[in-house]
Amino acid sequence: MSGAPDDRAIAAAIGDLLDRRAPGATICPSEAARALAGDEGFRPLMDDVRRVAAALAADGELEVTQDGEAVDPAAARGPIRLRRPAG
């Protein structure tokens, strides 16, 4: 995909969306992809957004959740949500 956003842009989009939410609130990775590529072009970015979210989680900057519980992004299958760690 030509002109795809780099990891820094993806991380910034995730951070910007979380900054607009209440503490503890989550976002869907598709929200970050849509913020970068629009409603029609977001799907090709989903793997990249999940990969960047996993890296941010490994650095302690983000939590990946399913059913409200933090999960290992590498083991997560199906829908996930992203939030800032508590504290």
N, C-alpha and C. Protein backbone atom coordinates (compact mmCIF):
# COMPACT_ATOMS: atom_id res chain seq x y z
N MET A 1 0.86 -1.18 0.00
CA MET A 1 0.00 0.00 0.00
C MET A 1 0.90 1.23 0.00
N SER A 2 0.88 1.96 -1.04
CA SER A 2 1.71 3.14 -1.18
C SER A 2 1.19 4.26 -0.29
N GLY A 3 2.13 4.95 0.36
CA GLY A 3 1.73 6.06 1.20
C GLY A 3 1.13 5.65 2.53
N ALA A 4 1.33 4.39 2.92
CA ALA A 4 0.79 3.93 4.20
C ALA A 4 1.48 4.66 5.34
N PRO A 5 0.75 4.95 6.40
CA PRO A 5 1.36 5.63 7.54
C PRO A 5 2.42 4.74 8.20
N ASP A 6 3.46 5.38 8.72
CA ASP A 6 4.50 4.62 9.42
C ASP A 6 4.07 4.35 10.86
N ASP A 7 4.91 3.59 11.56
CA ASP A 7 4.57 3.20 12.93
C ASP A 7 4.39 4.40 13.85
N ARG A 8 5.19 5.43 13.62
CA ARG A 8 5.08 6.63 14.46
C ARG A 8 3.72 7.29 14.27
N ALA A 9 3.24 7.36 13.04
CA ALA A 9 1.92 7.96 12.77
C ALA A 9 0.81 7.11 13.39
N ILE A 10 0.96 5.80 13.31
CA ILE A 10 -0.04 4.92 13.90
C ILE A 10 -0.07 5.09 15.42
N ALA A 11 1.11 5.11 16.05
CA ALA A 11 1.18 5.31 17.50
C ALA A 11 0.58 6.65 17.89
N ALA A 12 0.84 7.68 17.09
CA ALA A 12 0.30 9.01 17.38
C ALA A 12 -1.22 9.01 17.28
N ALA A 13 -1.76 8.31 16.28
CA ALA A 13 -3.22 8.24 16.13
C ALA A 13 -3.85 7.53 17.32
N ILE A 14 -3.24 6.43 17.76
CA ILE A 14 -3.75 5.71 18.93
C ILE A 14 -3.71 6.65 20.15
N GLY A 15 -2.58 7.31 20.36
CA GLY A 15 -2.44 8.22 21.50
C GLY A 15 -3.42 9.36 21.46
N ASP A 16 -3.62 9.93 20.30
CA ASP A 16 -4.55 11.06 20.16
C ASP A 16 -5.97 10.62 20.51
N LEU A 17 -6.38 9.48 20.02
CA LEU A 17 -7.73 9.00 20.33
C LEU A 17 -7.89 8.73 21.82
N LEU A 18 -6.88 8.12 22.44
CA LEU A 18 -6.96 7.84 23.88
C LEU A 18 -6.92 9.12 24.70
N ASP A 19 -6.19 10.12 24.23
CA ASP A 19 -6.15 11.41 24.94
C ASP A 19 -7.52 12.07 25.00
N ARG A 20 -8.37 11.78 24.05
CA ARG A 20 -9.71 12.37 23.99
C ARG A 20 -10.73 11.62 24.83
N ARG A 21 -10.32 10.50 25.39
CA ARG A 21 -11.23 9.67 26.18
C ARG A 21 -10.97 9.86 27.66
N ALA A 22 -11.93 9.48 28.43
CA ALA A 22 -11.79 9.52 29.89
C ALA A 22 -10.74 8.49 30.31
N PRO A 23 -10.10 8.73 31.45
CA PRO A 23 -9.14 7.74 31.95
C PRO A 23 -9.80 6.36 32.06
N GLY A 24 -9.11 5.35 31.60
CA GLY A 24 -9.64 3.99 31.64
C GLY A 24 -10.50 3.60 30.47
N ALA A 25 -10.90 4.58 29.66
CA ALA A 25 -11.72 4.29 28.49
C ALA A 25 -10.87 3.62 27.41
N THR A 26 -11.54 2.90 26.54
CA THR A 26 -10.84 2.16 25.50
C THR A 26 -11.21 2.67 24.11
N ILE A 27 -10.37 2.27 23.16
CA ILE A 27 -10.69 2.50 21.75
C ILE A 27 -10.57 1.17 21.02
N CYS A 28 -11.21 1.08 19.91
CA CYS A 28 -11.06 -0.06 19.01
C CYS A 28 -9.90 0.26 18.07
N PRO A 29 -9.05 -0.71 17.75
CA PRO A 29 -7.97 -0.44 16.80
C PRO A 29 -8.47 0.12 15.47
N SER A 30 -9.68 -0.25 15.08
CA SER A 30 -10.22 0.27 13.82
C SER A 30 -10.42 1.78 13.86
N GLU A 31 -10.63 2.35 15.06
CA GLU A 31 -10.76 3.80 15.16
C GLU A 31 -9.46 4.48 14.74
N ALA A 32 -8.33 3.93 15.14
CA ALA A 32 -7.04 4.50 14.74
C ALA A 32 -6.83 4.33 13.25
N ALA A 33 -7.16 3.15 12.73
CA ALA A 33 -7.01 2.92 11.30
C ALA A 33 -7.90 3.87 10.50
N ARG A 34 -9.13 4.06 10.96
CA ARG A 34 -10.04 4.98 10.26
C ARG A 34 -9.54 6.43 10.34
N ALA A 35 -8.95 6.80 11.47
CA ALA A 35 -8.43 8.17 11.62
C ALA A 35 -7.32 8.43 10.61
N LEU A 36 -6.59 7.39 10.25
CA LEU A 36 -5.48 7.54 9.31
C LEU A 36 -5.87 7.35 7.85
N ALA A 37 -6.86 6.49 7.59
CA ALA A 37 -7.15 6.13 6.20
C ALA A 37 -8.61 6.34 5.79
N GLY A 38 -9.45 6.78 6.71
CA GLY A 38 -10.85 6.98 6.37
C GLY A 38 -11.65 5.69 6.44
N ASP A 39 -12.96 5.84 6.35
CA ASP A 39 -13.85 4.69 6.48
C ASP A 39 -13.69 3.67 5.36
N GLU A 40 -13.32 4.12 4.19
CA GLU A 40 -13.21 3.21 3.06
C GLU A 40 -11.85 2.51 2.97
N GLY A 41 -10.79 3.13 3.52
CA GLY A 41 -9.46 2.58 3.34
C GLY A 41 -8.79 2.05 4.58
N PHE A 42 -9.54 1.85 5.65
CA PHE A 42 -8.92 1.49 6.92
C PHE A 42 -8.52 0.03 7.03
N ARG A 43 -9.22 -0.86 6.37
CA ARG A 43 -8.99 -2.30 6.57
C ARG A 43 -7.55 -2.74 6.31
N PRO A 44 -6.88 -2.26 5.27
CA PRO A 44 -5.49 -2.69 5.07
C PRO A 44 -4.54 -2.28 6.19
N LEU A 45 -4.94 -1.31 7.02
CA LEU A 45 -4.09 -0.86 8.13
C LEU A 45 -4.27 -1.66 9.41
N MET A 46 -5.27 -2.51 9.47
CA MET A 46 -5.60 -3.16 10.73
C MET A 46 -4.45 -4.01 11.29
N ASP A 47 -3.76 -4.77 10.46
CA ASP A 47 -2.64 -5.57 10.97
C ASP A 47 -1.54 -4.67 11.52
N ASP A 48 -1.27 -3.56 10.82
CA ASP A 48 -0.25 -2.62 11.29
C ASP A 48 -0.65 -1.98 12.61
N VAL A 49 -1.90 -1.60 12.75
CA VAL A 49 -2.37 -0.98 14.00
C VAL A 49 -2.24 -1.98 15.14
N ARG A 50 -2.64 -3.21 14.93
CA ARG A 50 -2.51 -4.23 15.98
C ARG A 50 -1.05 -4.48 16.33
N ARG A 51 -0.18 -4.49 15.33
CA ARG A 51 1.26 -4.70 15.58
C ARG A 51 1.85 -3.56 16.39
N VAL A 52 1.52 -2.32 16.03
CA VAL A 52 2.02 -1.16 16.77
C VAL A 52 1.44 -1.15 18.18
N ALA A 53 0.16 -1.49 18.33
CA ALA A 53 -0.44 -1.57 19.66
C ALA A 53 0.28 -2.61 20.52
N ALA A 54 0.64 -3.74 19.94
CA ALA A 54 1.36 -4.77 20.68
C ALA A 54 2.72 -4.25 21.13
N ALA A 55 3.40 -3.50 20.27
CA ALA A 55 4.70 -2.93 20.64
C ALA A 55 4.54 -1.91 21.76
N LEU A 56 3.51 -1.09 21.68
CA LEU A 56 3.25 -0.11 22.75
C LEU A 56 2.92 -0.83 24.05
N ALA A 57 2.18 -1.93 23.97
CA ALA A 57 1.87 -2.71 25.17
C ALA A 57 3.13 -3.31 25.76
N ALA A 58 4.02 -3.80 24.92
CA ALA A 58 5.28 -4.38 25.40
C ALA A 58 6.13 -3.33 26.11
N ASP A 59 6.00 -2.07 25.68
CA ASP A 59 6.73 -0.96 26.31
C ASP A 59 6.01 -0.41 27.54
N GLY A 60 4.83 -0.95 27.87
CA GLY A 60 4.08 -0.50 29.03
C GLY A 60 3.28 0.77 28.80
N GLU A 61 3.17 1.21 27.56
CA GLU A 61 2.45 2.45 27.25
C GLU A 61 0.97 2.23 26.96
N LEU A 62 0.57 0.97 26.82
CA LEU A 62 -0.77 0.65 26.38
C LEU A 62 -1.15 -0.71 26.95
N GLU A 63 -2.44 -0.94 27.11
CA GLU A 63 -2.94 -2.27 27.44
C GLU A 63 -3.87 -2.71 26.32
N VAL A 64 -3.75 -3.96 25.97
CA VAL A 64 -4.65 -4.59 25.01
C VAL A 64 -5.64 -5.40 25.84
N THR A 65 -6.93 -5.21 25.57
CA THR A 65 -7.94 -5.87 26.38
C THR A 65 -8.92 -6.65 25.53
N GLN A 66 -9.50 -7.66 26.17
CA GLN A 66 -10.66 -8.38 25.65
C GLN A 66 -11.60 -8.59 26.83
N ASP A 67 -12.85 -8.30 26.63
CA ASP A 67 -13.85 -8.42 27.70
C ASP A 67 -13.43 -7.66 28.95
N GLY A 68 -12.76 -6.52 28.76
CA GLY A 68 -12.37 -5.65 29.86
C GLY A 68 -11.13 -6.08 30.61
N GLU A 69 -10.52 -7.19 30.24
CA GLU A 69 -9.33 -7.70 30.92
C GLU A 69 -8.11 -7.55 30.03
N ALA A 70 -6.99 -7.17 30.62
CA ALA A 70 -5.75 -7.06 29.87
C ALA A 70 -5.34 -8.45 29.38
N VAL A 71 -4.91 -8.52 28.12
CA VAL A 71 -4.49 -9.78 27.52
C VAL A 71 -3.16 -9.59 26.81
N ASP A 72 -2.50 -10.69 26.55
CA ASP A 72 -1.27 -10.69 25.77
C ASP A 72 -1.67 -10.47 24.31
N PRO A 73 -1.19 -9.40 23.68
CA PRO A 73 -1.60 -9.13 22.30
C PRO A 73 -1.23 -10.26 21.33
N ALA A 74 -0.15 -10.97 21.60
CA ALA A 74 0.26 -12.06 20.72
C ALA A 74 -0.71 -13.24 20.79
N ALA A 75 -1.37 -13.40 21.93
CA ALA A 75 -2.30 -14.51 22.11
C ALA A 75 -3.75 -14.12 21.82
N ALA A 76 -4.02 -12.84 21.70
CA ALA A 76 -5.40 -12.37 21.52
C ALA A 76 -5.91 -12.74 20.13
N ARG A 77 -7.06 -13.35 20.10
CA ARG A 77 -7.74 -13.67 18.85
C ARG A 77 -9.10 -13.00 18.90
N GLY A 78 -9.49 -12.41 17.79
CA GLY A 78 -10.77 -11.74 17.75
C GLY A 78 -10.65 -10.29 18.16
N PRO A 79 -11.79 -9.66 18.43
CA PRO A 79 -11.81 -8.23 18.74
C PRO A 79 -11.01 -7.88 19.99
N ILE A 80 -10.28 -6.81 19.90
CA ILE A 80 -9.54 -6.28 21.05
C ILE A 80 -9.87 -4.82 21.21
N ARG A 81 -9.53 -4.28 22.37
CA ARG A 81 -9.66 -2.86 22.65
C ARG A 81 -8.33 -2.40 23.19
N LEU A 82 -8.08 -1.09 23.14
CA LEU A 82 -6.84 -0.50 23.60
C LEU A 82 -7.13 0.54 24.66
N ARG A 83 -6.30 0.57 25.70
CA ARG A 83 -6.45 1.59 26.75
C ARG A 83 -5.07 1.90 27.34
N ARG A 84 -5.02 3.02 28.01
CA ARG A 84 -3.81 3.37 28.74
C ARG A 84 -3.78 2.55 30.03
N PRO A 85 -2.59 2.17 30.47
CA PRO A 85 -2.51 1.45 31.75
C PRO A 85 -2.99 2.32 32.91
N ALA A 86 -3.57 1.70 33.90
CA ALA A 86 -4.00 2.44 35.10
C ALA A 86 -2.77 2.92 35.86
N GLY A 87 -2.93 4.08 36.49
CA GLY A 87 -1.85 4.57 37.35
C GLY A 87 -1.07 5.56 36.66
